[in-house]
Amino acid sequence: MCARSAGTTIFGIRYVPIEMPSSSTLSLIAQVHEAYASLMQCASSSDDPNLGGQLLYVCELDRPGRTFAIAGNIAGAATLAASAQPTALRQAQREGAIDFVVNSLDEALRILKNEIRKREPVAVAVSLSPAAIEGEMMDRGVLPNLLLPAAGRATQSPALAAFSTQGARQISESPSKAAQRLLIWPAPAAYAKNLAGFESMIAEHLAAADHLNRRWLRLSPRYLGPATRQLRSIACESQTAGQLVKLLGPPLNG
């Protein structure tokens, strides 16, 4: 199935047949974007807001954990996850949710501390249960900066409550903006080998201070997996959406 027919030209931009992304791919983009928007409420105030230097603990590598691990990388955080389930670890690696799988908290901290110092993103999973890791974190005084929203956690352990009491910040779910909608487009044929140019064309329609969209547009394809490499997405209001539809045609999730 193709998103557009061969040889279609819309406002001077030629499209060639592309394989329609699966509904699961489009859903992944939407879920990660929602998590990213929630995380960015905790970002530093600067010319490039991000979570560099902050430790995000996502607990188990279930769907919420994997989603927030991907979003954490896009937002610039250092992310710690845990799972004693080999299948969950493999799936997280396949999806690009984590960068490293290690066997102990010590190994994880060596990686995390280095990247936190450099304010660079990284996602590390320890192949132990969250309960085991949380116990070690408590014993060693490892306090995450950020915790998943309560609704995004499979369990509410005593350790998580203790982390919150000690100053860890629970991420708030991003308030919905009724005027904005996440729209996803494939790269036109003219930009198939110049995705940076495709991003620049979309960015021209964003406000200069729209740091959240600009960071997402620039970094999300790196972490969302191979199925999204030729896709770009932004959350925009109707006026911006209309301008981009004239240039790019209907979005894939339109």
Foldseek 3Di string as FASTA:
>chain_A
DFPDDAQDAFPRFTAHTDDQQDPVLVVLVVLLLQLLLLVQVVFDDDLATAAFLFEEEEFALDVLSLSNLLSNQLRQHEYEYEELDPVSVVVSVQQLSADEEEADVVVSCVVRVVRSVVSGYHYYYHNDHSVVNLVVCVVVVPAGQEYEAPVSDPDDDPSNVVSVVVHRDYGDRRDDDPQKDKFKAFATPVCPVPVVVVLVVLCVLDDSSPNSFNSCQPPSCVRRHPSCVRMGIGIDGPVSVVVVCSVGNGTSVD
